[in-house]
C-alpha atoms as a PDB file:
ATOM      1  CA  MET A   1     -20.450   6.182  -2.485  1.00  0.00           C
ATOM      2  CA  TYR A   2     -20.528   7.408  -6.071  1.00  0.00           C
ATOM      3  CA  LEU A   3     -17.912   6.055  -8.464  1.00  0.00           C
ATOM      4  CA  PRO A   4     -17.511   7.435 -11.984  1.00  0.00           C
ATOM      5  CA  GLN A   5     -18.178   5.172 -14.947  1.00  0.00           C
ATOM      6  CA  ASN A   6     -15.220   2.846 -15.757  1.00  0.00           C
ATOM      7  CA  SER A   7     -14.237   2.639 -12.078  1.00  0.00           C
ATOM      8  CA  ILE A   8     -13.022  -0.607 -10.542  1.00  0.00           C
ATOM      9  CA  ILE A   9     -12.801  -2.078  -7.072  1.00  0.00           C
ATOM     10  CA  ALA A  10     -10.238  -4.872  -6.973  1.00  0.00           C
ATOM     11  CA  SER A  11      -8.484  -7.076  -4.458  1.00  0.00           C
ATOM     12  CA  GLY A  12      -5.489  -9.372  -4.492  1.00  0.00           C
ATOM     13  CA  PRO A  13      -2.715 -10.986  -2.512  1.00  0.00           C
ATOM     14  CA  VAL A  14       0.866  -9.840  -2.139  1.00  0.00           C
ATOM     15  CA  ILE A  15       2.930 -13.010  -1.814  1.00  0.00           C
ATOM     16  CA  ILE A  16       6.517 -12.670  -0.611  1.00  0.00           C
ATOM     17  CA  GLU A  17       8.868 -15.606  -0.107  1.00  0.00           C
ATOM     18  CA  GLU A  18      12.561 -15.985   0.574  1.00  0.00           C
ATOM     19  CA  ILE A  19      14.316 -17.351  -2.507  1.00  0.00           C
ATOM     20  CA  ASN A  20      18.106 -17.796  -2.584  1.00  0.00           C
ATOM     21  CA  GLY A  21      18.437 -15.621   0.514  1.00  0.00           C
ATOM     22  CA  LYS A  22      16.397 -12.714  -0.899  1.00  0.00           C
ATOM     23  CA  GLN A  23      12.857 -11.537  -0.179  1.00  0.00           C
ATOM     24  CA  CYS A  24      11.025 -11.984  -3.487  1.00  0.00           C
ATOM     25  CA  VAL A  25       7.535 -10.988  -4.575  1.00  0.00           C
ATOM     26  CA  LEU A  26       5.349 -13.013  -6.912  1.00  0.00           C
ATOM     27  CA  LEU A  27       4.230 -11.006  -9.957  1.00  0.00           C
ATOM     28  CA  ASN A  28       2.447 -12.004 -13.134  1.00  0.00           C
ATOM     29  CA  LYS A  29       1.828 -10.580 -16.550  1.00  0.00           C
ATOM     30  CA  HIS A  30      -1.447 -11.110 -18.405  1.00  0.00           C
ATOM     31  CA  LYS A  31      -1.580 -12.138 -22.045  1.00  0.00           C
ATOM     32  CA  GLU A  32      -1.905  -9.309 -24.555  1.00  0.00           C
ATOM     33  CA  THR A  33      -5.439  -8.399 -25.601  1.00  0.00           C
ATOM     34  CA  ALA A  34      -6.978  -5.740 -27.820  1.00  0.00           C
ATOM     35  CA  ASP A  35      -7.873  -3.763 -24.639  1.00  0.00           C
ATOM     36  CA  LYS A  36      -4.420  -4.217 -23.101  1.00  0.00           C
ATOM     37  CA  PRO A  37      -1.791  -4.551 -25.823  1.00  0.00           C
ATOM     38  CA  ASP A  38       1.127  -3.912 -23.431  1.00  0.00           C
ATOM     39  CA  PRO A  39       0.538  -5.754 -20.122  1.00  0.00           C
ATOM     40  CA  LYS A  40       2.698  -4.847 -17.147  1.00  0.00           C
ATOM     41  CA  TRP A  41       3.933  -6.929 -14.221  1.00  0.00           C
ATOM     42  CA  GLN A  42       1.425  -6.906 -11.375  1.00  0.00           C
ATOM     43  CA  PHE A  43       0.200  -8.709  -8.291  1.00  0.00           C
ATOM     44  CA  CYS A  44      -2.404 -11.326  -9.024  1.00  0.00           C
ATOM     45  CA  GLY A  45      -5.854  -9.973  -8.308  1.00  0.00           C
ATOM     46  CA  GLY A  46      -9.043  -8.862  -9.902  1.00  0.00           C
ATOM     47  CA  THR A  47     -12.229  -6.898  -9.689  1.00  0.00           C
ATOM     48  CA  MET A  48     -15.175  -7.475  -7.435  1.00  0.00           C
ATOM     49  CA  GLU A  49     -17.782  -9.014  -9.694  1.00  0.00           C
ATOM     50  CA  ASP A  50     -20.532  -8.661  -7.108  1.00  0.00           C
ATOM     51  CA  PHE A  51     -20.830  -7.280  -3.620  1.00  0.00           C
ATOM     52  CA  ASP A  52     -21.957 -10.517  -1.956  1.00  0.00           C
ATOM     53  CA  VAL A  53     -18.343 -11.533  -1.302  1.00  0.00           C
ATOM     54  CA  SER A  54     -15.562 -10.023   0.796  1.00  0.00           C
ATOM     55  CA  PHE A  55     -12.313  -8.481  -0.419  1.00  0.00           C
ATOM     56  CA  GLU A  56     -10.559 -11.522   1.084  1.00  0.00           C
ATOM     57  CA  ASP A  57     -12.750 -13.851  -1.000  1.00  0.00           C
ATOM     58  CA  VAL A  58     -11.872 -11.920  -4.169  1.00  0.00           C
ATOM     59  CA  ALA A  59      -8.135 -12.193  -3.371  1.00  0.00           C
ATOM     60  CA  LYS A  60      -8.498 -15.963  -2.824  1.00  0.00           C
ATOM     61  CA  ARG A  61     -10.522 -16.413  -6.025  1.00  0.00           C
ATOM     62  CA  GLU A  62      -8.011 -14.487  -8.111  1.00  0.00           C
ATOM     63  CA  ALA A  63      -5.008 -16.364  -6.679  1.00  0.00           C
ATOM     64  CA  LYS A  64      -6.721 -19.615  -7.668  1.00  0.00           C
ATOM     65  CA  GLU A  65      -7.768 -18.383 -11.157  1.00  0.00           C
ATOM     66  CA  GLU A  66      -4.492 -16.680 -12.093  1.00  0.00           C
ATOM     67  CA  MET A  67      -1.847 -18.734 -10.289  1.00  0.00           C
ATOM     68  CA  GLY A  68      -3.609 -22.018  -9.480  1.00  0.00           C
ATOM     69  CA  ILE A  69      -2.843 -21.680  -5.765  1.00  0.00           C
ATOM     70  CA  GLU A  70      -4.692 -21.370  -2.512  1.00  0.00           C
ATOM     71  CA  ILE A  71      -3.671 -18.569  -0.168  1.00  0.00           C
ATOM     72  CA  GLU A  72      -3.838 -17.853   3.522  1.00  0.00           C
ATOM     73  CA  ILE A  73      -4.538 -14.176   4.203  1.00  0.00           C
ATOM     74  CA  GLU A  74      -2.179 -12.862   6.881  1.00  0.00           C
ATOM     75  CA  LYS A  75      -3.179  -9.179   7.069  1.00  0.00           C
ATOM     76  CA  LEU A  76      -4.447  -6.162   5.191  1.00  0.00           C
ATOM     77  CA  LEU A  77      -1.451  -4.323   3.751  1.00  0.00           C
ATOM     78  CA  HIS A  78      -2.743  -1.311   1.880  1.00  0.00           C
ATOM     79  CA  VAL A  79      -5.634   0.214  -0.004  1.00  0.00           C
ATOM     80  CA  CYS A  80      -4.658   2.267  -3.065  1.00  0.00           C
ATOM     81  CA  LEU A  81      -6.978   4.835  -4.542  1.00  0.00           C
ATOM     82  CA  GLY A  82      -6.132   6.373  -7.884  1.00  0.00           C
ATOM     83  CA  LYS A  83      -7.439   7.823 -11.128  1.00  0.00           C
ATOM     84  CA  LYS A  84      -7.495   5.685 -14.231  1.00  0.00           C
ATOM     85  CA  SER A  85      -6.527   7.067 -17.639  1.00  0.00           C
ATOM     86  CA  ASP A  86     -10.154   6.735 -18.819  1.00  0.00           C
ATOM     87  CA  GLY A  87     -11.443   8.991 -16.013  1.00  0.00           C
ATOM     88  CA  GLY A  88     -12.554   6.199 -13.706  1.00  0.00           C
ATOM     89  CA  ILE A  89     -11.339   5.521 -10.197  1.00  0.00           C
ATOM     90  CA  ALA A  90      -9.363   2.426  -9.133  1.00  0.00           C
ATOM     91  CA  VAL A  91      -9.696   1.125  -5.571  1.00  0.00           C
ATOM     92  CA  LEU A  92      -7.117  -1.640  -5.007  1.00  0.00           C
ATOM     93  CA  VAL A  93      -7.130  -3.679  -1.781  1.00  0.00           C
ATOM     94  CA  HIS A  94      -3.870  -5.552  -1.061  1.00  0.00           C
ATOM     95  CA  TYR A  95      -3.428  -8.390   1.438  1.00  0.00           C
ATOM     96  CA  LEU A  96      -0.213  -9.984   2.601  1.00  0.00           C
ATOM     97  CA  ALA A  97      -0.783 -13.680   1.985  1.00  0.00           C
ATOM     98  CA  LYS A  98       0.997 -17.008   2.179  1.00  0.00           C
ATOM     99  CA  ARG A  99       1.026 -19.309  -0.860  1.00  0.00           C
ATOM    100  CA  ILE A 100      -0.355 -22.817  -0.473  1.00  0.00           C
ATOM    101  CA  GLY A 101       0.485 -25.212  -3.311  1.00  0.00           C
ATOM    102  CA  GLU A 102       2.498 -25.130  -6.490  1.00  0.00           C
ATOM    103  CA  ILE A 103       1.943 -22.468  -9.131  1.00  0.00           C
ATOM    104  CA  LYS A 104       0.081 -23.455 -12.282  1.00  0.00           C
ATOM    105  CA  ILE A 105      -0.804 -20.321 -14.241  1.00  0.00           C
ATOM    106  CA  GLY A 106      -4.300 -19.711 -15.558  1.00  0.00           C
ATOM    107  CA  ASP A 107      -5.307 -19.290 -19.182  1.00  0.00           C
ATOM    108  CA  ASP A 108      -5.116 -15.472 -19.189  1.00  0.00           C
ATOM    109  CA  ILE A 109      -1.608 -15.289 -17.680  1.00  0.00           C
ATOM    110  CA  ALA A 110       1.357 -15.045 -20.073  1.00  0.00           C
ATOM    111  CA  GLU A 111       4.085 -15.486 -17.456  1.00  0.00           C
ATOM    112  CA  TYR A 112       5.003 -15.155 -13.801  1.00  0.00           C
ATOM    113  CA  ASN A 113       8.211 -14.588 -11.896  1.00  0.00           C
ATOM    114  CA  TRP A 114       9.616 -14.058  -8.415  1.00  0.00           C
ATOM    115  CA  PHE A 115      11.359 -10.679  -8.240  1.00  0.00           C
ATOM    116  CA  PRO A 116      13.598  -9.522  -5.394  1.00  0.00           C
ATOM    117  CA  ILE A 117      11.647  -6.730  -3.717  1.00  0.00           C
ATOM    118  CA  ASP A 118      14.559  -4.337  -4.254  1.00  0.00           C
ATOM    119  CA  GLU A 119      14.916  -5.287  -7.956  1.00  0.00           C
ATOM    120  CA  LEU A 120      11.453  -4.815  -9.453  1.00  0.00           C
ATOM    121  CA  PRO A 121      11.114  -4.840 -13.255  1.00  0.00           C
ATOM    122  CA  ILE A 122      10.832  -1.533 -15.087  1.00  0.00           C
ATOM    123  CA  ASP A 123       7.441  -2.400 -16.607  1.00  0.00           C
ATOM    124  CA  VAL A 124       5.573  -2.854 -13.323  1.00  0.00           C
ATOM    125  CA  GLN A 125       2.197  -1.413 -12.326  1.00  0.00           C
ATOM    126  CA  PRO A 126       2.557   1.673 -10.080  1.00  0.00           C
ATOM    127  CA  ASN A 127       0.669   0.083  -7.170  1.00  0.00           C
ATOM    128  CA  VAL A 128       3.342  -2.654  -6.951  1.00  0.00           C
ATOM    129  CA  LYS A 129       6.054  -0.083  -6.254  1.00  0.00           C
ATOM    130  CA  GLU A 130       3.825   1.700  -3.748  1.00  0.00           C
ATOM    131  CA  VAL A 131       3.014  -1.470  -1.785  1.00  0.00           C
ATOM    132  CA  ILE A 132       6.618  -2.768  -1.822  1.00  0.00           C
ATOM    133  CA  ARG A 133       7.835   0.630  -0.576  1.00  0.00           C
ATOM    134  CA  LEU A 134       5.449   0.306   2.390  1.00  0.00           C
ATOM    135  CA  ILE A 135       6.666  -3.210   3.145  1.00  0.00           C
ATOM    136  CA  GLN A 136      10.321  -2.126   3.135  1.00  0.00           C
ATOM    137  CA  HIS A 137       9.756   0.615   5.720  1.00  0.00           C
END
């Protein structure tokens, strides 16, 4: 498969827990950088750095790096395919997963929060809305 320059293939967990009687999703926001001066709320996750690991392994690695937790993959939820603003393609693989352990954010994470799935923040990545919409139906 040919992917244009600046394309990414990424994977991550979607973690939903009941908090105060509401289904809530775990989202994080990365620290500001020169490349990304206005980070948005997103699922934890990251790019495949090599092709010797599975999408599940990438989701587990990113949960550990970003949130300091282990996860148990429950099922594949959705694969998003979209165009990036720089002309590349983004392939995002989402897994429903269960959190194991207490959250301790990684160095590149500015903050995290549990959001009710029907009250997502305004500044959220588009794939979050797409995946939550699928879960609700």
